[in-house]
PDB file of N, CA and C in Angstrom:
ATOM      1  N   MET A   1       2.400   0.894  -8.398  1.00  0.00           N
ATOM      2  CA  MET A   1       1.202   0.287  -7.872  1.00  0.00           C
ATOM      3  C   MET A   1       1.568  -1.109  -7.387  1.00  0.00           C
ATOM      4  N   PHE A   2       1.190  -1.418  -6.166  1.00  0.00           N
ATOM      5  CA  PHE A   2       1.524  -2.688  -5.544  1.00  0.00           C
ATOM      6  C   PHE A   2       0.239  -3.376  -5.076  1.00  0.00           C
ATOM      7  N   PRO A   3      -0.255  -4.361  -5.818  1.00  0.00           N
ATOM      8  CA  PRO A   3      -1.427  -5.112  -5.356  1.00  0.00           C
ATOM      9  C   PRO A   3      -1.011  -6.088  -4.254  1.00  0.00           C
ATOM     10  N   ILE A   4      -1.773  -6.122  -3.174  1.00  0.00           N
ATOM     11  CA  ILE A   4      -1.458  -6.950  -2.016  1.00  0.00           C
ATOM     12  C   ILE A   4      -2.592  -7.946  -1.794  1.00  0.00           C
ATOM     13  N   HIS A   5      -2.252  -9.230  -1.744  1.00  0.00           N
ATOM     14  CA  HIS A   5      -3.255 -10.273  -1.500  1.00  0.00           C
ATOM     15  C   HIS A   5      -3.208 -10.695  -0.037  1.00  0.00           C
ATOM     16  N   GLU A   6      -4.387 -10.860   0.534  1.00  0.00           N
ATOM     17  CA  GLU A   6      -4.507 -11.359   1.900  1.00  0.00           C
ATOM     18  C   GLU A   6      -5.371 -12.612   1.877  1.00  0.00           C
ATOM     19  N   ALA A   7      -4.865 -13.679   2.456  1.00  0.00           N
ATOM     20  CA  ALA A   7      -5.645 -14.907   2.548  1.00  0.00           C
ATOM     21  C   ALA A   7      -6.811 -14.701   3.505  1.00  0.00           C
ATOM     22  N   ASN A   8      -7.870 -15.426   3.274  1.00  0.00           N
ATOM     23  CA  ASN A   8      -9.030 -15.387   4.155  1.00  0.00           C
ATOM     24  C   ASN A   8      -8.755 -16.322   5.328  1.00  0.00           C
ATOM     25  N   GLU A   9      -8.502 -15.769   6.509  1.00  0.00           N
ATOM     26  CA  GLU A   9      -8.145 -16.580   7.671  1.00  0.00           C
ATOM     27  C   GLU A   9      -9.297 -17.453   8.145  1.00  0.00           C
ATOM     28  N   ASN A  10     -10.536 -17.008   7.927  1.00  0.00           N
ATOM     29  CA  ASN A  10     -11.705 -17.779   8.360  1.00  0.00           C
ATOM     30  C   ASN A  10     -12.019 -18.920   7.405  1.00  0.00           C
ATOM     31  N   GLU A  11     -11.687 -18.734   6.135  1.00  0.00           N
ATOM     32  CA  GLU A  11     -11.934 -19.756   5.121  1.00  0.00           C
ATOM     33  C   GLU A  11     -10.675 -19.913   4.276  1.00  0.00           C
ATOM     34  N   PRO A  12      -9.753 -20.795   4.692  1.00  0.00           N
ATOM     35  CA  PRO A  12      -8.464 -20.920   4.001  1.00  0.00           C
ATOM     36  C   PRO A  12      -8.571 -21.254   2.507  1.00  0.00           C
ATOM     37  N   ASP A  13      -9.639 -21.913   2.082  1.00  0.00           N
ATOM     38  CA  ASP A  13      -9.798 -22.258   0.666  1.00  0.00           C
ATOM     39  C   ASP A  13     -10.472 -21.150  -0.139  1.00  0.00           C
ATOM     40  N   ALA A  14     -10.912 -20.089   0.528  1.00  0.00           N
ATOM     41  CA  ALA A  14     -11.571 -18.980  -0.164  1.00  0.00           C
ATOM     42  C   ALA A  14     -10.544 -18.152  -0.930  1.00  0.00           C
ATOM     43  N   ALA A  15     -11.028 -17.298  -1.798  1.00  0.00           N
ATOM     44  CA  ALA A  15     -10.155 -16.510  -2.679  1.00  0.00           C
ATOM     45  C   ALA A  15      -9.332 -15.457  -1.939  1.00  0.00           C
ATOM     46  N   GLY A  16      -9.785 -15.000  -0.800  1.00  0.00           N
ATOM     47  CA  GLY A  16      -9.066 -13.951  -0.086  1.00  0.00           C
ATOM     48  C   GLY A  16      -9.480 -12.566  -0.551  1.00  0.00           C
ATOM     49  N   HIS A  17      -8.630 -11.592  -0.278  1.00  0.00           N
ATOM     50  CA  HIS A  17      -8.977 -10.200  -0.569  1.00  0.00           C
ATOM     51  C   HIS A  17      -7.734  -9.462  -1.050  1.00  0.00           C
ATOM     52  N   TRP A  18      -7.935  -8.490  -1.912  1.00  0.00           N
ATOM     53  CA  TRP A  18      -6.851  -7.664  -2.449  1.00  0.00           C
ATOM     54  C   TRP A  18      -7.040  -6.214  -2.046  1.00  0.00           C
ATOM     55  N   PHE A  19      -5.943  -5.538  -1.765  1.00  0.00           N
ATOM     56  CA  PHE A  19      -5.947  -4.084  -1.669  1.00  0.00           C
ATOM     57  C   PHE A  19      -4.705  -3.588  -2.385  1.00  0.00           C
ATOM     58  N   THR A  20      -4.612  -2.304  -2.623  1.00  0.00           N
ATOM     59  CA  THR A  20      -3.511  -1.754  -3.410  1.00  0.00           C
ATOM     60  C   THR A  20      -2.844  -0.610  -2.661  1.00  0.00           C
ATOM     61  N   VAL A  21      -1.519  -0.584  -2.756  1.00  0.00           N
ATOM     62  CA  VAL A  21      -0.742   0.556  -2.257  1.00  0.00           C
ATOM     63  C   VAL A  21      -0.068   1.185  -3.473  1.00  0.00           C
ATOM     64  N   VAL A  22      -0.262   2.475  -3.635  1.00  0.00           N
ATOM     65  CA  VAL A  22       0.298   3.206  -4.769  1.00  0.00           C
ATOM     66  C   VAL A  22       1.346   4.180  -4.253  1.00  0.00           C
ATOM     67  N   LEU A  23       2.517   4.148  -4.853  1.00  0.00           N
ATOM     68  CA  LEU A  23       3.541   5.160  -4.562  1.00  0.00           C
ATOM     69  C   LEU A  23       3.299   6.290  -5.550  1.00  0.00           C
ATOM     70  N   ASN A  24       2.658   7.339  -5.079  1.00  0.00           N
ATOM     71  CA  ASN A  24       2.308   8.468  -5.933  1.00  0.00           C
ATOM     72  C   ASN A  24       3.396   9.529  -5.799  1.00  0.00           C
ATOM     73  N   LEU A  25       4.304   9.536  -6.770  1.00  0.00           N
ATOM     74  CA  LEU A  25       5.432  10.471  -6.716  1.00  0.00           C
ATOM     75  C   LEU A  25       4.988  11.913  -6.916  1.00  0.00           C
ATOM     76  N   ALA A  26       3.965  12.134  -7.745  1.00  0.00           N
ATOM     77  CA  ALA A  26       3.486  13.497  -8.004  1.00  0.00           C
ATOM     78  C   ALA A  26       2.905  14.142  -6.749  1.00  0.00           C
ATOM     79  N   ASP A  27       2.125  13.355  -5.983  1.00  0.00           N
ATOM     80  CA  ASP A  27       1.500  13.882  -4.763  1.00  0.00           C
ATOM     81  C   ASP A  27       2.342  13.649  -3.512  1.00  0.00           C
ATOM     82  N   LYS A  28       3.473  12.975  -3.689  1.00  0.00           N
ATOM     83  CA  LYS A  28       4.407  12.710  -2.592  1.00  0.00           C
ATOM     84  C   LYS A  28       3.736  12.002  -1.423  1.00  0.00           C
ATOM     85  N   GLU A  29       3.099  10.858  -1.731  1.00  0.00           N
ATOM     86  CA  GLU A  29       2.431  10.080  -0.698  1.00  0.00           C
ATOM     87  C   GLU A  29       2.237   8.639  -1.158  1.00  0.00           C
ATOM     88  N   PHE A  30       2.026   7.788  -0.184  1.00  0.00           N
ATOM     89  CA  PHE A  30       1.609   6.422  -0.445  1.00  0.00           C
ATOM     90  C   PHE A  30       0.093   6.410  -0.318  1.00  0.00           C
ATOM     91  N   GLN A  31      -0.581   5.929  -1.335  1.00  0.00           N
ATOM     92  CA  GLN A  31      -2.041   5.900  -1.316  1.00  0.00           C
ATOM     93  C   GLN A  31      -2.512   4.459  -1.171  1.00  0.00           C
ATOM     94  N   VAL A  32      -3.460   4.257  -0.280  1.00  0.00           N
ATOM     95  CA  VAL A  32      -4.005   2.932  -0.010  1.00  0.00           C
ATOM     96  C   VAL A  32      -5.438   2.888  -0.534  1.00  0.00           C
ATOM     97  N   ILE A  33      -5.719   1.877  -1.351  1.00  0.00           N
ATOM     98  CA  ILE A  33      -7.048   1.730  -1.942  1.00  0.00           C
ATOM     99  C   ILE A  33      -7.581   0.358  -1.568  1.00  0.00           C
ATOM    100  N   ASP A  34      -8.738   0.336  -0.924  1.00  0.00           N
ATOM    101  CA  ASP A  34      -9.373  -0.914  -0.519  1.00  0.00           C
ATOM    102  C   ASP A  34     -10.879  -0.737  -0.667  1.00  0.00           C
ATOM    103  N   SER A  35     -11.521  -1.632  -1.393  1.00  0.00           N
ATOM    104  CA  SER A  35     -12.952  -1.504  -1.665  1.00  0.00           C
ATOM    105  C   SER A  35     -13.825  -2.048  -0.548  1.00  0.00           C
ATOM    106  N   LEU A  36     -13.219  -2.661   0.466  1.00  0.00           N
ATOM    107  CA  LEU A  36     -13.994  -3.198   1.587  1.00  0.00           C
ATOM    108  C   LEU A  36     -13.779  -2.438   2.891  1.00  0.00           C
ATOM    109  N   ARG A  37     -12.538  -2.037   3.149  1.00  0.00           N
ATOM    110  CA  ARG A  37     -12.191  -1.478   4.451  1.00  0.00           C
ATOM    111  C   ARG A  37     -11.839  -0.004   4.348  1.00  0.00           C
ATOM    112  N   THR A  38     -11.867   0.653   5.499  1.00  0.00           N
ATOM    113  CA  THR A  38     -11.560   2.081   5.559  1.00  0.00           C
ATOM    114  C   THR A  38     -10.305   2.298   6.407  1.00  0.00           C
ATOM    115  N   SER A  39      -9.890   3.541   6.501  1.00  0.00           N
ATOM    116  CA  SER A  39      -8.707   3.882   7.289  1.00  0.00           C
ATOM    117  C   SER A  39      -8.897   3.604   8.772  1.00  0.00           C
ATOM    118  N   GLY A  40     -10.115   3.352   9.185  1.00  0.00           N
ATOM    119  CA  GLY A  40     -10.385   3.031  10.579  1.00  0.00           C
ATOM    120  C   GLY A  40     -10.223   1.553  10.896  1.00  0.00           C
ATOM    121  N   THR A  41      -9.908   0.748   9.899  1.00  0.00           N
ATOM    122  CA  THR A  41      -9.739  -0.687  10.102  1.00  0.00           C
ATOM    123  C   THR A  41      -8.294  -0.970  10.494  1.00  0.00           C
ATOM    124  N   GLN A  42      -8.105  -1.419  11.713  1.00  0.00           N
ATOM    125  CA  GLN A  42      -6.763  -1.586  12.273  1.00  0.00           C
ATOM    126  C   GLN A  42      -5.900  -2.535  11.438  1.00  0.00           C
ATOM    127  N   SER A  43      -6.473  -3.634  10.955  1.00  0.00           N
ATOM    128  CA  SER A  43      -5.676  -4.587  10.176  1.00  0.00           C
ATOM    129  C   SER A  43      -5.192  -3.974   8.867  1.00  0.00           C
ATOM    130  N   LEU A  44      -6.014  -3.157   8.231  1.00  0.00           N
ATOM    131  CA  LEU A  44      -5.608  -2.495   6.993  1.00  0.00           C
ATOM    132  C   LEU A  44      -4.501  -1.479   7.267  1.00  0.00           C
ATOM    133  N   VAL A  45      -4.643  -0.694   8.306  1.00  0.00           N
ATOM    134  CA  VAL A  45      -3.637   0.314   8.648  1.00  0.00           C
ATOM    135  C   VAL A  45      -2.295  -0.362   8.932  1.00  0.00           C
ATOM    136  N   LEU A  46      -2.309  -1.425   9.714  1.00  0.00           N
ATOM    137  CA  LEU A  46      -1.079  -2.144  10.053  1.00  0.00           C
ATOM    138  C   LEU A  46      -0.403  -2.697   8.800  1.00  0.00           C
ATOM    139  N   LYS A  47      -1.173  -3.368   7.950  1.00  0.00           N
ATOM    140  CA  LYS A  47      -0.589  -3.962   6.744  1.00  0.00           C
ATOM    141  C   LYS A  47      -0.124  -2.897   5.761  1.00  0.00           C
ATOM    142  N   ALA A  48      -0.838  -1.795   5.664  1.00  0.00           N
ATOM    143  CA  ALA A  48      -0.419  -0.710   4.770  1.00  0.00           C
ATOM    144  C   ALA A  48       0.907  -0.114   5.235  1.00  0.00           C
ATOM    145  N   HIS A  49       1.077   0.043   6.547  1.00  0.00           N
ATOM    146  CA  HIS A  49       2.351   0.535   7.073  1.00  0.00           C
ATOM    147  C   HIS A  49       3.481  -0.455   6.797  1.00  0.00           C
ATOM    148  N   MET A  50       3.185  -1.753   6.902  1.00  0.00           N
ATOM    149  CA  MET A  50       4.197  -2.770   6.618  1.00  0.00           C
ATOM    150  C   MET A  50       4.615  -2.729   5.146  1.00  0.00           C
ATOM    151  N   VAL A  51       3.647  -2.586   4.249  1.00  0.00           N
ATOM    152  CA  VAL A  51       3.951  -2.506   2.820  1.00  0.00           C
ATOM    153  C   VAL A  51       4.765  -1.245   2.538  1.00  0.00           C
ATOM    154  N   ARG A  52       4.379  -0.124   3.124  1.00  0.00           N
ATOM    155  CA  ARG A  52       5.127   1.128   2.954  1.00  0.00           C
ATOM    156  C   ARG A  52       6.584   0.942   3.367  1.00  0.00           C
ATOM    157  N   ALA A  53       6.810   0.304   4.510  1.00  0.00           N
ATOM    158  CA  ALA A  53       8.171   0.077   4.997  1.00  0.00           C
ATOM    159  C   ALA A  53       8.968  -0.795   4.038  1.00  0.00           C
ATOM    160  N   LYS A  54       8.350  -1.823   3.479  1.00  0.00           N
ATOM    161  CA  LYS A  54       9.039  -2.701   2.522  1.00  0.00           C
ATOM    162  C   LYS A  54       9.390  -1.952   1.242  1.00  0.00           C
ATOM    163  N   ILE A  55       8.474  -1.126   0.757  1.00  0.00           N
ATOM    164  CA  ILE A  55       8.739  -0.341  -0.456  1.00  0.00           C
ATOM    165  C   ILE A  55       9.919   0.604  -0.210  1.00  0.00           C
ATOM    166  N   ILE A  56       9.939   1.263   0.931  1.00  0.00           N
ATOM    167  CA  ILE A  56      11.037   2.173   1.255  1.00  0.00           C
ATOM    168  C   ILE A  56      12.354   1.409   1.336  1.00  0.00           C
ATOM    169  N   THR A  57      12.331   0.223   1.925  1.00  0.00           N
ATOM    170  CA  THR A  57      13.544  -0.598   2.006  1.00  0.00           C
ATOM    171  C   THR A  57      14.072  -0.928   0.613  1.00  0.00           C
ATOM    172  N   LEU A  58      13.190  -1.361  -0.278  1.00  0.00           N
ATOM    173  CA  LEU A  58      13.612  -1.674  -1.646  1.00  0.00           C
ATOM    174  C   LEU A  58      14.080  -0.426  -2.385  1.00  0.00           C
ATOM    175  N   TRP A  59      13.417   0.687  -2.150  1.00  0.00           N
ATOM    176  CA  TRP A  59      13.799   1.963  -2.764  1.00  0.00           C
ATOM    177  C   TRP A  59      15.224   2.338  -2.363  1.00  0.00           C
ATOM    178  N   LYS A  60      15.500   2.230  -1.067  1.00  0.00           N
ATOM    179  CA  LYS A  60      16.838   2.556  -0.566  1.00  0.00           C
ATOM    180  C   LYS A  60      17.890   1.635  -1.172  1.00  0.00           C
ATOM    181  N   LYS A  61      17.551   0.356  -1.297  1.00  0.00           N
ATOM    182  CA  LYS A  61      18.519  -0.630  -1.765  1.00  0.00           C
ATOM    183  C   LYS A  61      18.809  -0.502  -3.262  1.00  0.00           C
ATOM    184  N   TYR A  62      17.794  -0.231  -4.071  1.00  0.00           N
ATOM    185  CA  TYR A  62      17.966  -0.277  -5.514  1.00  0.00           C
ATOM    186  C   TYR A  62      17.856   1.073  -6.222  1.00  0.00           C
ATOM    187  N   THR A  63      16.884   1.866  -5.868  1.00  0.00           N
ATOM    188  CA  THR A  63      16.602   3.084  -6.627  1.00  0.00           C
ATOM    189  C   THR A  63      17.398   4.285  -6.145  1.00  0.00           C
ATOM    190  N   ALA A  64      17.424   4.517  -4.859  1.00  0.00           N
ATOM    191  CA  ALA A  64      18.061   5.722  -4.316  1.00  0.00           C
ATOM    192  C   ALA A  64      19.564   5.744  -4.541  1.00  0.00           C
ATOM    193  N   LYS A  65      20.162   4.605  -4.797  1.00  0.00           N
ATOM    194  CA  LYS A  65      21.604   4.536  -4.980  1.00  0.00           C
ATOM    195  C   LYS A  65      22.016   4.526  -6.446  1.00  0.00           C
ATOM    196  N   HIS A  66      21.089   4.748  -7.341  1.00  0.00           N
ATOM    197  CA  HIS A  66      21.404   4.702  -8.770  1.00  0.00           C
ATOM    198  C   HIS A  66      22.240   5.923  -9.140  1.00  0.00           C
ATOM    199  N   ASN A  67      23.463   5.689  -9.576  1.00  0.00           N
ATOM    200  CA  ASN A  67      24.387   6.787  -9.898  1.00  0.00           C
ATOM    201  C   ASN A  67      23.885   7.608 -11.077  1.00  0.00           C
ATOM    202  N   GLY A  68      24.002   8.905 -10.947  1.00  0.00           N
ATOM    203  CA  GLY A  68      23.654   9.801 -12.035  1.00  0.00           C
ATOM    204  C   GLY A  68      22.190  10.178 -12.114  1.00  0.00           C
ATOM    205  N   CYS A  69      21.371   9.640 -11.238  1.00  0.00           N
ATOM    206  CA  CYS A  69      19.941   9.947 -11.274  1.00  0.00           C
ATOM    207  C   CYS A  69      19.544  10.727 -10.027  1.00  0.00           C
ATOM    208  N   THR A  70      18.635  11.642 -10.212  1.00  0.00           N
ATOM    209  CA  THR A  70      18.036  12.335  -9.085  1.00  0.00           C
ATOM    210  C   THR A  70      16.715  11.636  -8.801  1.00  0.00           C
ATOM    211  N   VAL A  71      16.610  11.031  -7.643  1.00  0.00           N
ATOM    212  CA  VAL A  71      15.385  10.300  -7.300  1.00  0.00           C
ATOM    213  C   VAL A  71      14.712  10.976  -6.121  1.00  0.00           C
ATOM    214  N   PRO A  72      13.383  10.907  -6.079  1.00  0.00           N
ATOM    215  CA  PRO A  72      12.659  11.518  -4.959  1.00  0.00           C
ATOM    216  C   PRO A  72      13.005  10.847  -3.638  1.00  0.00           C
ATOM    217  N   ASN A  73      12.921  11.611  -2.573  1.00  0.00           N
ATOM    218  CA  ASN A  73      13.126  11.101  -1.231  1.00  0.00           C
ATOM    219  C   ASN A  73      11.767  10.656  -0.692  1.00  0.00           C
ATOM    220  N   ILE A  74      11.462   9.373  -0.835  1.00  0.00           N
ATOM    221  CA  ILE A  74      10.134   8.865  -0.454  1.00  0.00           C
ATOM    222  C   ILE A  74      10.020   8.550   1.033  1.00  0.00           C
ATOM    223  N   PHE A  75      11.106   8.664   1.764  1.00  0.00           N
ATOM    224  CA  PHE A  75      11.126   8.254   3.165  1.00  0.00           C
ATOM    225  C   PHE A  75      10.155   9.059   4.022  1.00  0.00           C
ATOM    226  N   SER A  76       9.864  10.277   3.612  1.00  0.00           N
ATOM    227  CA  SER A  76       8.959  11.112   4.403  1.00  0.00           C
ATOM    228  C   SER A  76       7.510  11.062   3.893  1.00  0.00           C
ATOM    229  N   TYR A  77       7.257  10.304   2.838  1.00  0.00           N
ATOM    230  CA  TYR A  77       5.900  10.216   2.302  1.00  0.00           C
ATOM    231  C   TYR A  77       4.998   9.487   3.298  1.00  0.00           C
ATOM    232  N   GLU A  78       3.842  10.058   3.551  1.00  0.00           N
ATOM    233  CA  GLU A  78       2.882   9.476   4.485  1.00  0.00           C
ATOM    234  C   GLU A  78       1.857   8.625   3.742  1.00  0.00           C
ATOM    235  N   LEU A  79       1.107   7.833   4.517  1.00  0.00           N
ATOM    236  CA  LEU A  79       0.001   7.056   3.957  1.00  0.00           C
ATOM    237  C   LEU A  79      -1.244   7.921   3.863  1.00  0.00           C
ATOM    238  N   ARG A  80      -1.973   7.754   2.775  1.00  0.00           N
ATOM    239  CA  ARG A  80      -3.292   8.388   2.650  1.00  0.00           C
ATOM    240  C   ARG A  80      -4.250   7.330   2.159  1.00  0.00           C
ATOM    241  N   PHE A  81      -5.350   7.181   2.836  1.00  0.00           N
ATOM    242  CA  PHE A  81      -6.347   6.187   2.472  1.00  0.00           C
ATOM    243  C   PHE A  81      -7.356   6.835   1.529  1.00  0.00           C
ATOM    244  N   ILE A  82      -7.480   6.266   0.365  1.00  0.00           N
ATOM    245  CA  ILE A  82      -8.355   6.807  -0.675  1.00  0.00           C
ATOM    246  C   ILE A  82      -9.739   6.187  -0.535  1.00  0.00           C
ATOM    247  N   SER A  83     -10.750   7.013  -0.395  1.00  0.00           N
ATOM    248  CA  SER A  83     -12.117   6.489  -0.366  1.00  0.00           C
ATOM    249  C   SER A  83     -12.674   6.565  -1.785  1.00  0.00           C
ATOM    250  N   GLY A  84     -13.402   5.570  -2.129  1.00  0.00           N
ATOM    251  CA  GLY A  84     -13.930   5.525  -3.492  1.00  0.00           C
ATOM    252  C   GLY A  84     -14.997   4.460  -3.594  1.00  0.00           C
ATOM    253  N   TYR A  85     -14.930   3.702  -4.645  1.00  0.00           N
ATOM    254  CA  TYR A  85     -15.924   2.660  -4.877  1.00  0.00           C
ATOM    255  C   TYR A  85     -15.879   1.621  -3.772  1.00  0.00           C
ATOM    256  N   ARG A  86     -17.054   1.182  -3.372  1.00  0.00           N
ATOM    257  CA  ARG A  86     -17.184   0.195  -2.317  1.00  0.00           C
ATOM    258  C   ARG A  86     -17.893  -1.047  -2.843  1.00  0.00           C
ATOM    259  N   GLN A  87     -17.530  -2.199  -2.285  1.00  0.00           N
ATOM    260  CA  GLN A  87     -18.217  -3.438  -2.631  1.00  0.00           C
ATOM    261  C   GLN A  87     -19.527  -3.495  -1.858  1.00  0.00           C
ATOM    262  N   PHE A  88     -20.565  -3.957  -2.500  1.00  0.00           N
ATOM    263  CA  PHE A  88     -21.859  -4.079  -1.843  1.00  0.00           C
ATOM    264  C   PHE A  88     -22.090  -5.515  -1.423  1.00  0.00           C
ATOM    265  N   GLY A  89     -22.886  -5.686  -0.400  1.00  0.00           N
ATOM    266  CA  GLY A  89     -23.266  -7.023   0.060  1.00  0.00           C
ATOM    267  C   GLY A  89     -22.156  -7.746   0.797  1.00  0.00           C
ATOM    268  N   MET A  90     -21.153  -7.031   1.255  1.00  0.00           N
ATOM    269  CA  MET A  90     -20.052  -7.689   1.959  1.00  0.00           C
ATOM    270  C   MET A  90     -20.138  -7.352   3.429  1.00  0.00           C
TER     271      MET A  90
END
């Protein structure tokens, strides 16, 4: 689970916003959870793809090369946007 913080560009002193990217090995996918935005939000899709790419880079560098271990091939895992609880009044 990777919590991602985004600064509020309109109000630099504001708290900003968080979303989460989960590497779900059982379902073989990257899951994106955001209580404000949906998969139709271009900024969320772009940032989720960037986070996915960074996770894969770190996986290749550290995990996939671990001798003696069989590790999943996450390179083909796609993004899935999870709909769930939503924030009200936003």
